[in-house]
N, C-alpha and C. Protein backbone atom coordinates (compact mmCIF):
# COMPACT_ATOMS: atom_id res chain seq x y z
N MET A 1 -130.74 25.22 68.36
CA MET A 1 -132.06 23.95 67.79
C MET A 1 -133.55 24.38 69.42
N GLY A 2 -134.75 24.36 68.80
CA GLY A 2 -135.19 24.85 69.87
C GLY A 2 -135.60 25.79 71.06
N GLN A 3 -135.99 26.30 71.97
CA GLN A 3 -135.99 27.14 72.33
C GLN A 3 -135.02 28.20 72.05
N ALA A 4 -135.88 29.73 71.66
CA ALA A 4 -134.48 30.28 71.45
C ALA A 4 -133.87 30.96 73.68
N ALA A 5 -132.56 31.26 74.19
CA ALA A 5 -132.96 32.06 75.00
C ALA A 5 -133.80 33.15 75.15
N PRO A 6 -134.95 33.89 75.71
CA PRO A 6 -134.98 34.68 75.63
C PRO A 6 -134.17 36.64 76.45
N ALA A 7 -134.64 37.22 76.37
CA ALA A 7 -133.44 38.43 75.98
C ALA A 7 -133.47 38.99 77.48
N ASP A 8 -134.19 39.13 77.68
CA ASP A 8 -134.94 39.06 79.42
C ASP A 8 -134.68 37.00 80.29
N PRO A 9 -133.46 37.27 80.51
CA PRO A 9 -133.36 35.55 81.25
C PRO A 9 -134.15 35.22 83.03
N TYR A 10 -134.63 36.71 83.47
CA TYR A 10 -135.68 35.90 84.61
C TYR A 10 -137.05 36.84 84.40
N ALA A 11 -137.18 37.08 82.81
CA ALA A 11 -138.68 36.77 82.91
C ALA A 11 -139.52 35.67 82.47
N ASP A 12 -139.83 34.69 82.18
CA ASP A 12 -139.97 33.37 81.96
C ASP A 12 -138.90 32.31 83.36
N PRO A 13 -139.73 32.24 84.94
CA PRO A 13 -139.05 31.56 86.21
C PRO A 13 -139.18 30.08 85.98
N ALA A 14 -139.33 29.78 85.42
CA ALA A 14 -139.56 27.97 84.74
C ALA A 14 -138.11 27.90 83.58
N LEU A 15 -138.08 28.76 83.54
CA LEU A 15 -137.09 28.92 82.03
C LEU A 15 -135.52 29.14 83.14
N ARG A 16 -134.34 28.55 82.60
CA ARG A 16 -133.00 28.17 83.01
C ARG A 16 -132.51 28.52 81.65
N VAL A 17 -130.90 28.83 82.01
CA VAL A 17 -130.64 29.92 81.10
C VAL A 17 -128.57 29.44 81.85
N LEU A 18 -128.44 28.55 80.59
CA LEU A 18 -126.63 28.63 80.83
C LEU A 18 -126.40 28.54 80.00
N THR A 19 -124.74 29.83 80.32
CA THR A 19 -124.08 30.31 78.70
C THR A 19 -122.74 29.88 78.94
N LEU A 20 -121.95 29.57 77.92
CA LEU A 20 -120.20 30.26 78.20
C LEU A 20 -119.69 30.49 77.05
N HIS A 21 -119.33 31.75 77.28
CA HIS A 21 -118.96 32.69 76.22
C HIS A 21 -117.29 32.72 76.06
N ASP A 22 -116.67 31.93 75.33
CA ASP A 22 -114.91 32.07 75.16
C ASP A 22 -114.77 32.62 74.06
N PRO A 23 -114.49 34.17 73.68
CA PRO A 23 -114.02 34.52 72.51
C PRO A 23 -112.47 34.07 72.48
N ALA A 24 -111.89 33.40 72.96
CA ALA A 24 -110.13 33.23 72.96
C ALA A 24 -110.85 32.63 72.26
N ARG A 25 -110.88 31.24 72.61
CA ARG A 25 -111.02 29.36 72.29
C ARG A 25 -112.01 29.11 70.84
N ARG A 26 -112.83 30.64 70.20
CA ARG A 26 -113.58 30.87 69.97
C ARG A 26 -114.95 29.53 69.43
N ARG A 27 -115.49 30.08 70.87
CA ARG A 27 -116.06 28.76 71.81
C ARG A 27 -117.57 29.74 72.00
N HIS A 28 -118.63 29.18 71.80
CA HIS A 28 -120.52 29.90 72.65
C HIS A 28 -121.04 28.62 72.65
N VAL A 29 -121.58 28.67 74.27
CA VAL A 29 -122.84 27.16 74.41
C VAL A 29 -123.54 27.92 75.09
N GLN A 30 -124.38 27.51 75.09
CA GLN A 30 -125.90 28.19 75.86
C GLN A 30 -126.66 27.12 75.20
N ALA A 31 -126.90 27.01 76.74
CA ALA A 31 -128.45 25.74 77.37
C ALA A 31 -129.76 25.62 77.66
N VAL A 32 -130.91 25.82 77.12
CA VAL A 32 -132.23 26.22 77.51
C VAL A 32 -132.27 25.08 78.05
N LEU A 33 -132.76 25.89 79.63
CA LEU A 33 -133.84 24.30 80.58
C LEU A 33 -134.74 24.77 81.34
N ARG A 34 -135.59 23.39 81.02
CA ARG A 34 -137.01 23.60 81.48
C ARG A 34 -137.97 22.36 82.47
N GLU A 35 -137.43 22.46 83.24
CA GLU A 35 -137.46 21.40 84.17
C GLU A 35 -136.80 20.07 84.35
N GLY A 36 -136.11 20.53 84.20
CA GLY A 36 -134.64 19.42 83.81
C GLY A 36 -134.32 18.79 82.97
N ARG A 37 -135.13 19.62 81.27
CA ARG A 37 -135.06 19.01 80.37
C ARG A 37 -134.43 20.09 79.52
N VAL A 38 -133.26 19.51 78.66
CA VAL A 38 -133.37 20.57 77.70
C VAL A 38 -133.95 21.22 76.69
N VAL A 39 -133.77 22.39 76.52
CA VAL A 39 -135.80 22.57 75.60
C VAL A 39 -134.71 23.33 74.24
N GLY A 40 -133.84 23.41 74.79
CA GLY A 40 -132.90 24.62 73.11
C GLY A 40 -131.54 24.67 73.36
N ALA A 41 -130.99 25.44 72.43
CA ALA A 41 -129.41 25.28 72.70
C ALA A 41 -128.77 25.35 71.13
N SER A 42 -127.64 26.19 71.70
CA SER A 42 -127.08 26.80 70.80
C SER A 42 -125.53 26.88 70.72
N CYS A 43 -124.85 26.32 69.48
CA CYS A 43 -123.12 26.37 70.19
C CYS A 43 -121.91 26.12 69.22
N VAL A 44 -121.93 27.02 69.04
CA VAL A 44 -120.48 27.12 68.35
C VAL A 44 -119.29 26.59 68.75
N GLY A 45 -118.31 25.71 67.99
CA GLY A 45 -116.66 25.88 68.30
C GLY A 45 -116.24 24.46 69.00
N ALA A 46 -118.09 23.69 69.25
CA ALA A 46 -117.80 22.43 70.27
C ALA A 46 -117.86 21.29 70.30
N GLY A 47 -117.60 21.00 68.78
CA GLY A 47 -118.52 20.10 68.32
C GLY A 47 -119.10 19.03 69.52
N ARG A 48 -118.82 18.09 69.76
CA ARG A 48 -119.02 16.55 70.95
C ARG A 48 -119.35 17.59 71.98
N THR A 49 -119.51 18.92 72.37
CA THR A 49 -120.77 18.73 73.28
C THR A 49 -122.09 19.91 72.63
N ALA A 50 -121.87 20.25 71.29
CA ALA A 50 -123.13 19.89 70.54
C ALA A 50 -124.12 18.36 70.67
N ALA A 51 -123.49 17.54 69.94
CA ALA A 51 -123.25 16.31 69.71
C ALA A 51 -124.74 16.17 70.98
N ASP A 52 -124.26 16.66 72.26
CA ASP A 52 -124.63 15.61 73.53
C ASP A 52 -125.79 16.49 73.98
N LEU A 53 -125.76 17.77 73.39
CA LEU A 53 -126.75 18.62 73.66
C LEU A 53 -127.46 18.52 72.41
N THR A 54 -127.26 17.28 71.27
CA THR A 54 -128.98 17.45 70.55
C THR A 54 -129.70 16.49 71.21
N GLN A 55 -128.58 14.90 71.30
CA GLN A 55 -129.04 13.68 72.24
C GLN A 55 -129.99 14.53 73.35
N ALA A 56 -129.16 14.64 73.65
CA ALA A 56 -129.93 15.09 75.37
C ALA A 56 -131.90 16.68 75.23
N PHE A 57 -131.32 17.07 74.14
CA PHE A 57 -133.06 17.44 73.79
C PHE A 57 -133.85 16.73 73.13
N GLU A 58 -132.90 16.10 71.83
CA GLU A 58 -133.60 15.16 71.49
C GLU A 58 -134.80 14.07 71.92
N ARG A 59 -133.63 13.42 72.73
CA ARG A 59 -134.34 12.38 73.59
C ARG A 59 -135.44 12.73 74.71
N GLU A 60 -134.97 13.58 75.28
CA GLU A 60 -135.44 14.77 76.31
C GLU A 60 -134.86 13.83 77.85
N THR A 61 -133.64 13.77 78.33
CA THR A 61 -132.81 13.01 79.53
C THR A 61 -132.84 13.89 80.21
N PRO A 62 -133.09 13.65 82.03
CA PRO A 62 -132.70 14.19 82.33
C PRO A 62 -131.22 15.43 82.57
N VAL A 63 -130.97 16.69 82.70
CA VAL A 63 -129.48 17.23 83.06
C VAL A 63 -129.45 16.57 84.42
N PRO A 64 -127.56 16.57 83.97
CA PRO A 64 -127.44 16.14 85.32
C PRO A 64 -127.70 17.29 86.57
N ALA A 65 -127.28 16.50 87.59
CA ALA A 65 -127.60 16.60 89.19
C ALA A 65 -126.87 18.92 88.97
N ASP A 66 -125.65 18.98 87.82
CA ASP A 66 -125.09 20.27 88.12
C ASP A 66 -125.24 20.08 86.55
N PRO A 67 -125.55 21.22 86.08
CA PRO A 67 -126.42 21.72 84.22
C PRO A 67 -125.09 22.08 84.06
N ALA A 68 -123.54 23.01 84.62
CA ALA A 68 -123.27 23.75 84.18
C ALA A 68 -122.10 22.28 83.58
N ALA A 69 -121.84 21.17 83.35
CA ALA A 69 -121.37 19.90 83.22
C ALA A 69 -121.95 19.91 81.15
N LEU A 70 -123.51 20.59 81.31
CA LEU A 70 -124.17 20.13 79.96
C LEU A 70 -122.47 21.44 78.95
N LEU A 71 -122.23 22.41 79.26
CA LEU A 71 -121.88 23.51 79.01
C LEU A 71 -120.17 22.72 78.24
N LEU A 72 -119.70 22.00 78.94
CA LEU A 72 -118.09 21.82 78.68
C LEU A 72 -118.12 20.48 79.57
N PRO A 73 -118.45 20.00 79.19
CA PRO A 73 -118.19 18.44 79.36
C PRO A 73 -116.90 17.47 79.79
N TYR A 74 -116.09 18.12 78.32
CA TYR A 74 -114.88 17.03 78.04
C TYR A 74 -113.60 18.31 77.87
N PRO A 75 -112.50 17.62 78.85
CA PRO A 75 -111.64 19.18 78.98
C PRO A 75 -110.72 18.63 77.38
N ASP A 76 -110.33 19.78 76.79
CA ASP A 76 -109.40 19.91 75.73
C ASP A 76 -108.07 18.77 75.76
N HIS A 77 -108.12 17.52 75.02
CA HIS A 77 -107.07 16.78 74.10
C HIS A 77 -107.27 15.43 75.38
N THR A 78 -108.09 15.69 76.19
CA THR A 78 -108.12 14.47 76.63
C THR A 78 -109.30 12.87 75.81
N PRO A 79 -108.86 12.05 76.13
CA PRO A 79 -109.52 10.46 75.55
C PRO A 79 -111.13 10.04 75.88
N ALA A 80 -112.17 9.76 75.16
CA ALA A 80 -113.32 10.20 75.74
C ALA A 80 -112.72 8.73 76.43
N ALA A 81 -114.20 8.05 77.84
CA ALA A 81 -113.59 7.40 79.34
C ALA A 81 -113.83 5.92 78.81
N GLY A 82 -112.83 4.82 78.69
CA GLY A 82 -112.12 3.81 78.11
C GLY A 82 -112.15 4.77 76.45
N ALA A 83 -110.99 5.10 76.37
CA ALA A 83 -109.59 4.67 74.59
C ALA A 83 -109.25 3.98 75.10
N ASP A 84 -108.83 4.12 76.65
CA ASP A 84 -107.64 3.90 76.39
C ASP A 84 -107.45 1.73 76.73
N ASP A 85 -108.60 1.42 76.72
CA ASP A 85 -108.86 0.28 77.60
C ASP A 85 -110.27 -0.37 76.29
N PRO A 86 -110.01 -0.56 75.13
CA PRO A 86 -111.29 -0.58 74.53
C PRO A 86 -111.95 -2.55 75.39
N THR A 87 -110.49 -3.06 75.76
CA THR A 87 -112.02 -4.54 76.17
C THR A 87 -112.76 -3.89 77.25
N ARG A 88 -112.44 -2.85 77.71
CA ARG A 88 -114.04 -3.02 78.74
C ARG A 88 -114.72 -2.16 79.31
N LEU A 89 -114.97 -1.78 77.35
CA LEU A 89 -116.37 -0.80 76.76
C LEU A 89 -116.74 -2.31 76.71
N PRO A 90 -118.48 -1.76 77.05
CA PRO A 90 -119.28 -3.33 76.57
C PRO A 90 -119.75 -2.76 74.59
N ASP A 91 -119.31 -3.67 74.55
CA ASP A 91 -119.98 -3.72 72.85
C ASP A 91 -120.96 -2.38 72.42
N ALA A 92 -121.81 -2.11 73.07
CA ALA A 92 -123.64 -0.93 72.62
C ALA A 92 -122.96 0.38 73.46
N THR A 93 -121.39 0.12 73.93
CA THR A 93 -121.19 1.55 74.79
C THR A 93 -121.10 2.79 72.93
N THR A 94 -121.48 3.76 73.47
CA THR A 94 -122.03 4.84 71.60
C THR A 94 -120.61 5.43 71.42
N VAL A 95 -120.16 5.32 71.03
CA VAL A 95 -117.86 5.57 69.97
C VAL A 95 -118.69 6.99 69.89
N CYS A 96 -119.70 7.20 69.03
CA CYS A 96 -119.70 8.10 67.97
C CYS A 96 -120.83 8.89 68.40
N ARG A 97 -121.73 9.61 68.87
CA ARG A 97 -122.75 10.28 69.35
C ARG A 97 -123.37 10.88 68.27
N CYS A 98 -122.45 11.10 67.38
CA CYS A 98 -123.03 13.03 65.37
C CYS A 98 -124.19 11.38 64.82
N ASN A 99 -123.60 10.26 64.68
CA ASN A 99 -123.83 9.41 63.57
C ASN A 99 -124.14 8.35 64.72
N GLY A 100 -124.32 7.27 66.26
CA GLY A 100 -125.11 6.30 66.48
C GLY A 100 -124.34 4.91 66.85
N VAL A 101 -122.94 5.67 66.53
CA VAL A 101 -121.82 4.43 65.60
C VAL A 101 -121.24 3.58 67.33
N THR A 102 -121.23 2.41 67.09
CA THR A 102 -121.27 2.05 68.85
C THR A 102 -119.96 1.09 68.54
N LYS A 103 -119.78 0.46 69.47
CA LYS A 103 -118.37 -0.03 69.57
C LYS A 103 -118.85 -1.70 68.45
N ARG A 104 -119.64 -2.53 68.85
CA ARG A 104 -120.42 -2.47 68.19
C ARG A 104 -119.59 -2.37 66.47
N ASP A 105 -120.13 -1.49 66.01
CA ASP A 105 -120.37 -1.55 64.65
C ASP A 105 -119.16 -1.12 64.49
N VAL A 106 -117.83 -0.77 65.13
CA VAL A 106 -116.62 -0.25 64.77
C VAL A 106 -116.18 -2.16 64.92
N VAL A 107 -116.44 -3.35 66.09
CA VAL A 107 -115.67 -4.48 64.95
C VAL A 107 -116.36 -5.16 63.78
N GLN A 108 -117.86 -4.74 63.77
CA GLN A 108 -117.48 -5.02 63.25
C GLN A 108 -117.26 -4.63 61.53
N ALA A 109 -117.11 -3.90 61.81
CA ALA A 109 -116.59 -2.99 60.28
C ALA A 109 -114.64 -4.01 60.59
N HIS A 110 -114.99 -3.88 60.80
CA HIS A 110 -113.36 -4.45 61.15
C HIS A 110 -112.90 -5.34 60.85
N LEU A 111 -114.30 -6.92 61.39
CA LEU A 111 -113.92 -7.68 61.03
C LEU A 111 -114.28 -8.45 59.21
N ASP A 112 -114.79 -6.91 58.95
CA ASP A 112 -115.57 -7.17 57.51
C ASP A 112 -114.22 -6.46 56.74
N GLY A 113 -113.31 -6.28 57.32
CA GLY A 113 -111.55 -6.01 56.45
C GLY A 113 -111.63 -4.36 56.50
N ASP A 114 -112.15 -3.70 57.32
CA ASP A 114 -112.19 -1.97 57.24
C ASP A 114 -110.44 -2.52 58.78
N ARG A 115 -110.26 -1.30 58.03
CA ARG A 115 -108.68 -1.30 58.85
C ARG A 115 -107.94 0.33 59.09
N THR A 116 -109.09 0.70 58.15
CA THR A 116 -108.50 2.38 59.27
C THR A 116 -109.64 3.64 58.84
N VAL A 117 -109.26 4.24 59.94
CA VAL A 117 -110.21 4.88 60.31
C VAL A 117 -111.41 6.30 59.27
N GLU A 118 -110.77 5.69 58.00
CA GLU A 118 -111.64 6.48 56.84
C GLU A 118 -112.52 5.09 56.21
N GLN A 119 -111.70 3.60 56.67
CA GLN A 119 -112.12 2.27 55.82
C GLN A 119 -113.92 2.40 56.44
N VAL A 120 -113.45 2.80 58.14
CA VAL A 120 -114.73 2.96 59.27
C VAL A 120 -115.62 3.83 59.43
N ALA A 121 -115.17 4.85 58.63
CA ALA A 121 -116.31 6.22 58.35
C ALA A 121 -116.60 6.16 56.87
N ALA A 122 -116.27 5.14 55.82
CA ALA A 122 -117.48 5.21 54.69
C ALA A 122 -118.88 4.05 54.70
N ARG A 123 -117.62 3.15 55.69
CA ARG A 123 -118.93 1.79 56.45
C ARG A 123 -120.25 2.30 57.22
N THR A 124 -119.92 3.29 58.23
CA THR A 124 -120.01 3.45 59.52
C THR A 124 -120.19 5.22 59.85
N ARG A 125 -120.35 5.71 59.47
CA ARG A 125 -120.47 6.92 58.97
C ARG A 125 -119.63 7.74 60.50
N ALA A 126 -119.07 7.17 61.69
CA ALA A 126 -118.40 7.13 62.16
C ALA A 126 -117.18 8.15 61.99
N THR A 127 -117.22 9.31 62.87
CA THR A 127 -115.96 10.18 62.66
C THR A 127 -116.22 11.62 61.84
N THR A 128 -117.35 11.57 61.24
CA THR A 128 -117.81 12.25 59.93
C THR A 128 -119.17 13.47 60.45
N GLY A 129 -119.31 12.78 61.75
CA GLY A 129 -119.78 14.19 62.05
C GLY A 129 -119.00 15.52 62.68
N CYS A 130 -118.71 15.13 64.31
CA CYS A 130 -117.52 16.35 64.84
C CYS A 130 -116.76 15.85 64.71
N GLY A 131 -116.31 14.58 64.82
CA GLY A 131 -114.85 14.59 64.94
C GLY A 131 -114.52 13.97 65.92
N GLY A 132 -115.51 14.26 66.72
CA GLY A 132 -115.05 14.29 68.21
C GLY A 132 -114.10 12.90 68.84
N CYS A 133 -114.74 11.79 67.89
CA CYS A 133 -114.72 10.24 68.36
C CYS A 133 -113.88 9.32 68.35
N ARG A 134 -112.72 10.09 66.89
CA ARG A 134 -111.26 10.02 66.12
C ARG A 134 -110.75 8.97 66.41
N GLY A 135 -110.40 9.76 67.90
CA GLY A 135 -109.18 9.01 68.61
C GLY A 135 -109.45 7.64 69.40
N GLN A 136 -110.74 7.21 70.01
CA GLN A 136 -111.73 6.47 69.77
C GLN A 136 -112.16 4.72 68.82
N VAL A 137 -111.98 5.93 67.24
CA VAL A 137 -113.11 5.32 66.10
C VAL A 137 -110.36 3.97 66.60
N LEU A 138 -109.76 5.13 66.28
CA LEU A 138 -108.15 4.68 66.12
C LEU A 138 -108.22 3.88 66.89
N GLY A 139 -108.53 4.16 69.26
CA GLY A 139 -107.43 2.92 69.54
C GLY A 139 -108.44 2.06 69.50
N LEU A 140 -109.56 1.60 68.92
CA LEU A 140 -110.65 0.37 68.21
C LEU A 140 -110.02 -0.07 67.55
N LEU A 141 -109.09 0.46 66.65
CA LEU A 141 -109.05 -0.18 65.88
C LEU A 141 -107.55 -1.07 65.98
N GLU A 142 -107.10 -0.22 66.33
CA GLU A 142 -105.29 -0.58 67.17
C GLU A 142 -105.42 -1.58 67.49
N TRP A 143 -106.71 -1.44 69.25
CA TRP A 143 -106.91 -2.93 70.02
C TRP A 143 -107.06 -4.07 68.68
N MET A 144 -108.11 -3.45 68.20
CA MET A 144 -108.48 -5.14 67.10
C MET A 144 -107.39 -5.36 66.59
N SER A 145 -106.45 -4.39 65.92
CA SER A 145 -105.55 -5.43 64.74
C SER A 145 -104.26 -5.99 66.08
N ARG A 146 -104.07 -5.46 67.32
CA ARG A 146 -103.35 -6.24 68.15
C ARG A 146 -103.67 -7.24 68.11
N SER A 147 -105.06 -7.87 68.36
CA SER A 147 -106.09 -8.93 68.66
C SER A 147 -105.96 -10.13 67.82
N GLU A 148 -105.63 -9.61 66.42
CA GLU A 148 -105.76 -10.71 65.73
C GLU A 148 -105.32 -11.94 65.27
N PRO A 149 -105.53 -12.74 64.95
CA PRO A 149 -104.77 -14.11 65.13
C PRO A 149 -103.76 -14.54 64.02
N ALA A 150 -102.12 -14.57 64.09
CA ALA A 150 -101.86 -14.93 63.57
C ALA A 150 -102.45 -15.83 62.08
N ALA A 151 -101.54 -15.48 60.68
CA ALA A 151 -102.37 -16.80 59.86
C ALA A 151 -102.46 -17.90 59.65
N ASP A 152 -101.04 -18.33 60.07
CA ASP A 152 -100.59 -19.04 60.00
C ASP A 152 -101.24 -19.92 61.61
N ASP A 153 -101.63 -20.13 62.48
CA ASP A 153 -102.57 -20.10 63.55
C ASP A 153 -102.01 -20.71 64.60
N THR A 154 -100.72 -20.04 64.22
CA THR A 154 -99.73 -20.60 64.84
C THR A 154 -99.84 -19.87 66.53
N ALA A 155 -100.64 -18.97 66.49
CA ALA A 155 -100.75 -17.92 68.12
C ALA A 155 -101.28 -18.58 69.04
N PRO A 156 -100.84 -18.21 69.90
CA PRO A 156 -101.71 -17.99 71.36
C PRO A 156 -103.13 -18.44 70.95
N ALA A 157 -103.41 -19.55 71.85
CA ALA A 157 -105.30 -19.11 71.77
C ALA A 157 -105.38 -18.66 73.08
N GLU A 158 -105.30 -17.51 73.69
CA GLU A 158 -106.19 -16.69 73.84
C GLU A 158 -106.12 -15.12 72.82
N GLN A 159 -104.89 -15.71 72.13
CA GLN A 159 -105.54 -14.52 70.46
C GLN A 159 -106.21 -14.71 69.56
N ARG A 160 -106.28 -16.49 68.86
CA ARG A 160 -107.28 -16.69 68.50
C ARG A 160 -108.60 -16.64 68.77
N SER A 161 -109.22 -16.81 70.14
CA SER A 161 -110.07 -16.99 70.40
C SER A 161 -110.64 -15.12 70.31
N PHE A 162 -110.20 -13.87 69.73
CA PHE A 162 -110.40 -12.95 70.12
C PHE A 162 -112.14 -12.80 69.63
N HIS A 163 -112.29 -13.16 68.43
CA HIS A 163 -113.91 -12.74 68.46
C HIS A 163 -115.01 -13.83 69.77
N ALA A 164 -114.81 -14.45 70.42
CA ALA A 164 -115.52 -15.56 70.69
C ALA A 164 -115.10 -14.52 72.65
N ARG A 165 -114.32 -13.74 72.38
CA ARG A 165 -114.11 -13.14 73.63
C ARG A 165 -114.83 -12.04 73.44
N ASN A 166 -114.52 -10.81 72.22
CA ASN A 166 -114.89 -9.79 72.35
C ASN A 166 -116.09 -9.43 71.57
N THR A 167 -116.48 -9.59 70.87
CA THR A 167 -118.01 -9.65 70.63
C THR A 167 -119.20 -10.50 71.22
N ALA A 168 -120.30 -10.26 70.63
CA ALA A 168 -121.68 -10.89 70.73
C ALA A 168 -122.04 -11.75 70.12
N ALA A 169 -121.22 -12.83 69.77
CA ALA A 169 -121.55 -12.93 68.55
C ALA A 169 -121.95 -13.98 69.60
N GLN A 170 -123.26 -15.42 68.94
CA GLN A 170 -123.65 -16.09 69.00
C GLN A 170 -123.50 -17.52 69.58
N PRO A 171 -123.66 -17.76 70.19
CA PRO A 171 -122.84 -19.52 70.22
C PRO A 171 -123.53 -20.18 69.48
N GLU A 172 -122.38 -21.85 69.01
CA GLU A 172 -122.73 -22.73 68.59
C GLU A 172 -123.63 -23.06 68.85
N LYS A 173 -124.51 -23.55 67.93
CA LYS A 173 -125.02 -24.62 68.08
C LYS A 173 -124.63 -25.81 67.82
N HIS A 174 -125.05 -27.10 68.53
CA HIS A 174 -124.73 -27.91 67.86
C HIS A 174 -125.88 -29.21 67.39
N ALA A 175 -126.01 -29.94 67.14
CA ALA A 175 -126.70 -30.99 66.66
C ALA A 175 -126.96 -32.08 68.19
N LEU A 176 -127.58 -32.13 68.48
CA LEU A 176 -127.73 -33.07 70.11
C LEU A 176 -128.27 -34.39 69.71
N PRO A 177 -128.29 -35.97 69.30
CA PRO A 177 -128.64 -36.86 69.30
C PRO A 177 -129.88 -36.99 69.76
N SER A 178 -130.98 -37.48 68.57
CA SER A 178 -132.71 -37.70 68.89
C SER A 178 -132.28 -38.93 70.34
N VAL A 179 -133.44 -39.22 70.44
CA VAL A 179 -133.37 -40.23 71.84
C VAL A 179 -133.79 -41.73 71.64
N THR A 180 -134.00 -41.58 70.03
CA THR A 180 -134.31 -42.74 69.80
C THR A 180 -133.09 -43.22 69.35
N SER A 181 -131.57 -42.55 68.75
CA SER A 181 -130.63 -42.17 68.49
C SER A 181 -129.33 -43.55 69.53
N THR A 182 -129.79 -41.95 70.70
CA THR A 182 -129.59 -42.65 71.50
C THR A 182 -129.47 -44.64 72.54
N GLU A 183 -130.96 -44.43 72.22
CA GLU A 183 -131.25 -45.69 72.63
C GLU A 183 -130.74 -46.44 71.46
N ALA A 184 -130.68 -46.30 70.39
CA ALA A 184 -130.26 -46.69 69.86
C ALA A 184 -128.92 -47.82 69.68
N ARG A 185 -127.94 -46.51 70.52
CA ARG A 185 -125.97 -46.79 70.24
C ARG A 185 -126.24 -48.04 71.78
N GLY A 186 -126.93 -47.28 72.73
CA GLY A 186 -126.78 -48.17 73.60
C GLY A 186 -127.53 -49.19 74.00
N ALA A 187 -128.06 -50.40 73.05
CA ALA A 187 -129.19 -51.87 73.20
C ALA A 187 -127.66 -52.03 72.09
N VAL A 188 -126.24 -51.71 71.38
CA VAL A 188 -125.66 -51.76 70.81
C VAL A 188 -124.67 -52.40 71.31
N SER A 189 -124.39 -51.47 72.24
CA SER A 189 -122.76 -50.97 73.59
C SER A 189 -123.69 -52.35 74.39
């Protein structure tokens, strides 16, 4: 996407080209930077990195202090930050970068009855891009399932109040008595 790396990386001093070429792992990642922004990239064999580079390119976000972190920011087989404790993720946290799916979207899908990764994918498109978010979506679904109240409503109050604790639900609005009805009640007592 964007500007291709020049044949001579020193031809344009305003460009910085970073490359990771790893034939043994069948991956190649290249980022072209100008003035601290990604202006071009190519990526093979590193789906999550491709999603991040695409997002940085499209949003024109500044690159990290050490731009080498753009090339392969995720160690193999390590869950995404917060996947081990979904309660600590803010609702607006992006879970699926490829499709812009947030924790709130996954929670809502579960509340609407989607209990499997495939069902959540059908509703939200999470996991249908690079697939790097599958573990995090699965972790959220498992957390939601453990947090569901018992069907007979005898579960402890902290389990029954799942929705209030873990979603951005609006507080209930209670009707307040009007001044005239309050005065009328005061006159009666």
